[in-house]
Amino acid sequence: MLPLTLVIYDFRTDTQEDDFTVETGVGVTTASVVLDKELYNDDDDTIVLTSDISETPTTSNYTSATRTLAVASLTANTTRTLTVSYDIEAFEQAGAISTLIDKIPFLWLAMIIALPPAAIVAIWLGKGD
C-alpha cells in the first residue's frame, strides 16, 4: 500500500517556495517568517530551509493559525535571503475530489481483501465460467 499512498500524496500536493529577506541583530540567531500558503496537513517535516550565506537554518516552531514559521540556527548580525520550500494542497477548492482521493487506499485494500473470497464463492456456485 505504501507506493499507492506516496502516489496519492504526490498527486494531492504541490511544492511552494517562498523567499524572505531576514535580518538578525547582534546576538540574535532566530527569526520568524509568515508563509504565503498553508502548510499541507500542518506537516512541518516537509519544510526545507536554505540560506544564501553559509549557515544551516532549522525550523523551531510552526503556528498553523497564522502560518508563522520560527527559524533558528541563524548567524547573528547578518542579512540573508531565506528560501523556504514546503508542501501545499494542490486542490484548494476541490473538497469532493480530495475526499475521494483520501479514500482510494481504503478502497484498494477492500478490493484486495474482497476479491479472493468473491472468486471462491463464484467458483463454488458454479458461476466462475
C-alpha atoms as a PDB file:
ATOM      1  CA  MET A   1       0.000   0.000   0.000  1.00  0.00           C
ATOM      2  CA  LEU A   2       2.940   2.347   0.573  1.00  0.00           C
ATOM      3  CA  PRO A   3       3.631   3.100  -3.132  1.00  0.00           C
ATOM      4  CA  LEU A   4      -0.056   3.898  -3.662  1.00  0.00           C
ATOM      5  CA  THR A   5      -0.169   6.284  -0.715  1.00  0.00           C
ATOM      6  CA  LEU A   6       3.003   8.009  -1.927  1.00  0.00           C
ATOM      7  CA  VAL A   7       1.486   8.463  -5.386  1.00  0.00           C
ATOM      8  CA  ILE A   8      -1.670   9.917  -3.836  1.00  0.00           C
ATOM      9  CA  TYR A   9       0.401  12.252  -1.650  1.00  0.00           C
ATOM     10  CA  ASP A  10       2.357  13.463  -4.681  1.00  0.00           C
ATOM     11  CA  PHE A  11      -0.909  13.979  -6.587  1.00  0.00           C
ATOM     12  CA  ARG A  12      -2.522  15.931  -3.723  1.00  0.00           C
ATOM     13  CA  THR A  13       0.402  18.252  -3.002  1.00  0.00           C
ATOM     14  CA  ASP A  14       2.483  20.867  -4.740  1.00  0.00           C
ATOM     15  CA  THR A  15       5.749  22.341  -3.565  1.00  0.00           C
ATOM     16  CA  GLN A  16       5.654  26.023  -2.656  1.00  0.00           C
ATOM     17  CA  GLU A  17       8.843  28.058  -2.432  1.00  0.00           C
ATOM     18  CA  ASP A  18       8.928  31.404  -0.614  1.00  0.00           C
ATOM     19  CA  ASP A  19      11.889  33.779  -0.355  1.00  0.00           C
ATOM     20  CA  PHE A  20      12.351  36.097   2.623  1.00  0.00           C
ATOM     21  CA  THR A  21      14.970  38.712   3.384  1.00  0.00           C
ATOM     22  CA  VAL A  22      15.773  38.185   7.063  1.00  0.00           C
ATOM     23  CA  GLU A  23      17.999  40.393   9.166  1.00  0.00           C
ATOM     24  CA  THR A  24      19.289  39.355  12.569  1.00  0.00           C
ATOM     25  CA  GLY A  25      20.737  41.721  15.139  1.00  0.00           C
ATOM     26  CA  VAL A  26      23.736  41.356  17.409  1.00  0.00           C
ATOM     27  CA  GLY A  27      23.365  38.178  19.454  1.00  0.00           C
ATOM     28  CA  VAL A  28      20.094  37.201  17.714  1.00  0.00           C
ATOM     29  CA  THR A  29      20.051  33.789  15.995  1.00  0.00           C
ATOM     30  CA  THR A  30      16.294  33.336  15.464  1.00  0.00           C
ATOM     31  CA  ALA A  31      13.668  34.927  13.234  1.00  0.00           C
ATOM     32  CA  SER A  32      10.056  34.440  12.182  1.00  0.00           C
ATOM     33  CA  VAL A  33       8.559  34.460   8.706  1.00  0.00           C
ATOM     34  CA  VAL A  34       4.950  34.162   7.536  1.00  0.00           C
ATOM     35  CA  LEU A  35       4.437  31.558   4.813  1.00  0.00           C
ATOM     36  CA  ASP A  36       2.424  32.591   1.735  1.00  0.00           C
ATOM     37  CA  LYS A  37       0.225  29.474   1.801  1.00  0.00           C
ATOM     38  CA  GLU A  38      -0.963  26.925   4.363  1.00  0.00           C
ATOM     39  CA  LEU A  39       1.308  24.010   5.057  1.00  0.00           C
ATOM     40  CA  TYR A  40      -0.264  20.733   3.846  1.00  0.00           C
ATOM     41  CA  ASN A  41      -1.784  18.953   6.873  1.00  0.00           C
ATOM     42  CA  ASP A  42       0.405  21.121   9.133  1.00  0.00           C
ATOM     43  CA  ASP A  43       3.240  18.709   8.333  1.00  0.00           C
ATOM     44  CA  ASP A  44       6.340  20.680   9.257  1.00  0.00           C
ATOM     45  CA  ASP A  45       8.525  17.729   8.238  1.00  0.00           C
ATOM     46  CA  THR A  46       8.123  18.879   4.626  1.00  0.00           C
ATOM     47  CA  ILE A  47       9.783  22.248   5.313  1.00  0.00           C
ATOM     48  CA  VAL A  48      13.228  22.704   3.786  1.00  0.00           C
ATOM     49  CA  LEU A  49      15.184  25.846   4.686  1.00  0.00           C
ATOM     50  CA  THR A  50      18.137  27.203   2.749  1.00  0.00           C
ATOM     51  CA  SER A  51      20.110  30.399   3.147  1.00  0.00           C
ATOM     52  CA  ASP A  52      22.207  32.349   0.679  1.00  0.00           C
ATOM     53  CA  ILE A  53      25.040  32.573   3.231  1.00  0.00           C
ATOM     54  CA  SER A  54      26.975  29.751   4.868  1.00  0.00           C
ATOM     55  CA  GLU A  55      24.615  28.764   7.676  1.00  0.00           C
ATOM     56  CA  THR A  56      22.224  25.891   8.284  1.00  0.00           C
ATOM     57  CA  PRO A  57      18.854  27.275   9.403  1.00  0.00           C
ATOM     58  CA  THR A  58      16.439  24.958  11.200  1.00  0.00           C
ATOM     59  CA  THR A  59      12.714  25.042  11.924  1.00  0.00           C
ATOM     60  CA  SER A  60      11.989  25.606  15.586  1.00  0.00           C
ATOM     61  CA  ASN A  61       8.202  26.075  15.525  1.00  0.00           C
ATOM     62  CA  TYR A  62       5.276  26.380  13.125  1.00  0.00           C
ATOM     63  CA  THR A  63       1.973  28.052  14.070  1.00  0.00           C
ATOM     64  CA  SER A  64      -0.746  26.993  11.648  1.00  0.00           C
ATOM     65  CA  ALA A  65      -3.299  29.640  12.679  1.00  0.00           C
ATOM     66  CA  THR A  66      -1.023  32.448  11.462  1.00  0.00           C
ATOM     67  CA  ARG A  67       1.231  30.418   9.089  1.00  0.00           C
ATOM     68  CA  THR A  68       4.196  31.708  11.113  1.00  0.00           C
ATOM     69  CA  LEU A  69       7.430  29.749  10.918  1.00  0.00           C
ATOM     70  CA  ALA A  70      10.078  30.293  13.583  1.00  0.00           C
ATOM     71  CA  VAL A  71      13.594  29.753  12.249  1.00  0.00           C
ATOM     72  CA  ALA A  72      16.623  29.038  14.441  1.00  0.00           C
ATOM     73  CA  SER A  73      20.361  28.464  13.968  1.00  0.00           C
ATOM     74  CA  LEU A  74      20.879  31.696  12.076  1.00  0.00           C
ATOM     75  CA  THR A  75      24.103  33.680  12.071  1.00  0.00           C
ATOM     76  CA  ALA A  76      23.833  36.747  14.299  1.00  0.00           C
ATOM     77  CA  ASN A  77      24.143  40.299  12.960  1.00  0.00           C
ATOM     78  CA  THR A  78      23.639  39.365   9.310  1.00  0.00           C
ATOM     79  CA  THR A  79      21.162  39.874   6.475  1.00  0.00           C
ATOM     80  CA  ARG A  80      20.356  36.880   4.317  1.00  0.00           C
ATOM     81  CA  THR A  81      17.769  35.550   1.901  1.00  0.00           C
ATOM     82  CA  LEU A  82      15.980  32.527   3.331  1.00  0.00           C
ATOM     83  CA  THR A  83      14.279  30.167   0.920  1.00  0.00           C
ATOM     84  CA  VAL A  84      11.503  28.104   2.460  1.00  0.00           C
ATOM     85  CA  SER A  85      10.249  25.121   0.481  1.00  0.00           C
ATOM     86  CA  TYR A  86       7.172  23.258   1.744  1.00  0.00           C
ATOM     87  CA  ASP A  87       4.208  21.160   0.596  1.00  0.00           C
ATOM     88  CA  ILE A  88       0.795  22.755  -0.003  1.00  0.00           C
ATOM     89  CA  GLU A  89      -2.635  21.427  -1.016  1.00  0.00           C
ATOM     90  CA  ALA A  90      -2.800  21.091  -4.819  1.00  0.00           C
ATOM     91  CA  PHE A  91      -6.613  21.166  -4.924  1.00  0.00           C
ATOM     92  CA  GLU A  92      -7.616  24.089  -2.721  1.00  0.00           C
ATOM     93  CA  GLN A  93     -11.231  24.307  -3.944  1.00  0.00           C
ATOM     94  CA  ALA A  94     -11.944  20.634  -4.685  1.00  0.00           C
ATOM     95  CA  GLY A  95     -13.374  19.165  -1.480  1.00  0.00           C
ATOM     96  CA  ALA A  96     -15.136  16.222  -3.152  1.00  0.00           C
ATOM     97  CA  ILE A  97     -12.054  15.244  -5.165  1.00  0.00           C
ATOM     98  CA  SER A  98      -9.885  15.432  -2.065  1.00  0.00           C
ATOM     99  CA  THR A  99     -12.304  13.232  -0.134  1.00  0.00           C
ATOM    100  CA  LEU A 100     -12.380  10.650  -2.942  1.00  0.00           C
ATOM    101  CA  ILE A 101      -8.595  10.625  -3.230  1.00  0.00           C
ATOM    102  CA  ASP A 102      -8.311  10.162   0.542  1.00  0.00           C
ATOM    103  CA  LYS A 103     -10.467   7.000   0.258  1.00  0.00           C
ATOM    104  CA  ILE A 104      -8.514   5.343  -2.594  1.00  0.00           C
ATOM    105  CA  PRO A 105      -6.087   3.393  -0.350  1.00  0.00           C
ATOM    106  CA  PHE A 106      -9.044   2.058   1.667  1.00  0.00           C
ATOM    107  CA  LEU A 107     -10.954   1.081  -1.497  1.00  0.00           C
ATOM    108  CA  TRP A 108      -7.847  -0.594  -2.920  1.00  0.00           C
ATOM    109  CA  LEU A 109      -7.336  -2.578   0.292  1.00  0.00           C
ATOM    110  CA  ALA A 110     -11.013  -3.553   0.349  1.00  0.00           C
ATOM    111  CA  MET A 111     -10.724  -4.871  -3.221  1.00  0.00           C
ATOM    112  CA  ILE A 112      -7.630  -6.926  -2.351  1.00  0.00           C
ATOM    113  CA  ILE A 113      -9.356  -8.446   0.672  1.00  0.00           C
ATOM    114  CA  ALA A 114     -12.752  -8.997  -1.013  1.00  0.00           C
ATOM    115  CA  LEU A 115     -11.622 -10.375  -4.380  1.00  0.00           C
ATOM    116  CA  PRO A 116     -10.332 -13.831  -3.286  1.00  0.00           C
ATOM    117  CA  PRO A 117     -13.444 -14.718  -1.227  1.00  0.00           C
ATOM    118  CA  ALA A 118     -15.686 -13.490  -4.065  1.00  0.00           C
ATOM    119  CA  ALA A 119     -13.778 -15.662  -6.550  1.00  0.00           C
ATOM    120  CA  ILE A 120     -14.079 -18.732  -4.281  1.00  0.00           C
ATOM    121  CA  VAL A 121     -17.819 -18.160  -3.851  1.00  0.00           C
ATOM    122  CA  ALA A 122     -18.259 -17.731  -7.620  1.00  0.00           C
ATOM    123  CA  ILE A 123     -16.374 -20.966  -8.290  1.00  0.00           C
ATOM    124  CA  TRP A 124     -18.289 -22.804  -5.567  1.00  0.00           C
ATOM    125  CA  LEU A 125     -21.622 -21.684  -7.007  1.00  0.00           C
ATOM    126  CA  GLY A 126     -20.507 -22.712 -10.499  1.00  0.00           C
ATOM    127  CA  LYS A 127     -20.649 -19.200 -11.900  1.00  0.00           C
ATOM    128  CA  GLY A 128     -16.945 -18.821 -12.432  1.00  0.00           C
ATOM    129  CA  ASP A 129     -17.160 -19.937 -16.073  1.00  0.00           C
END
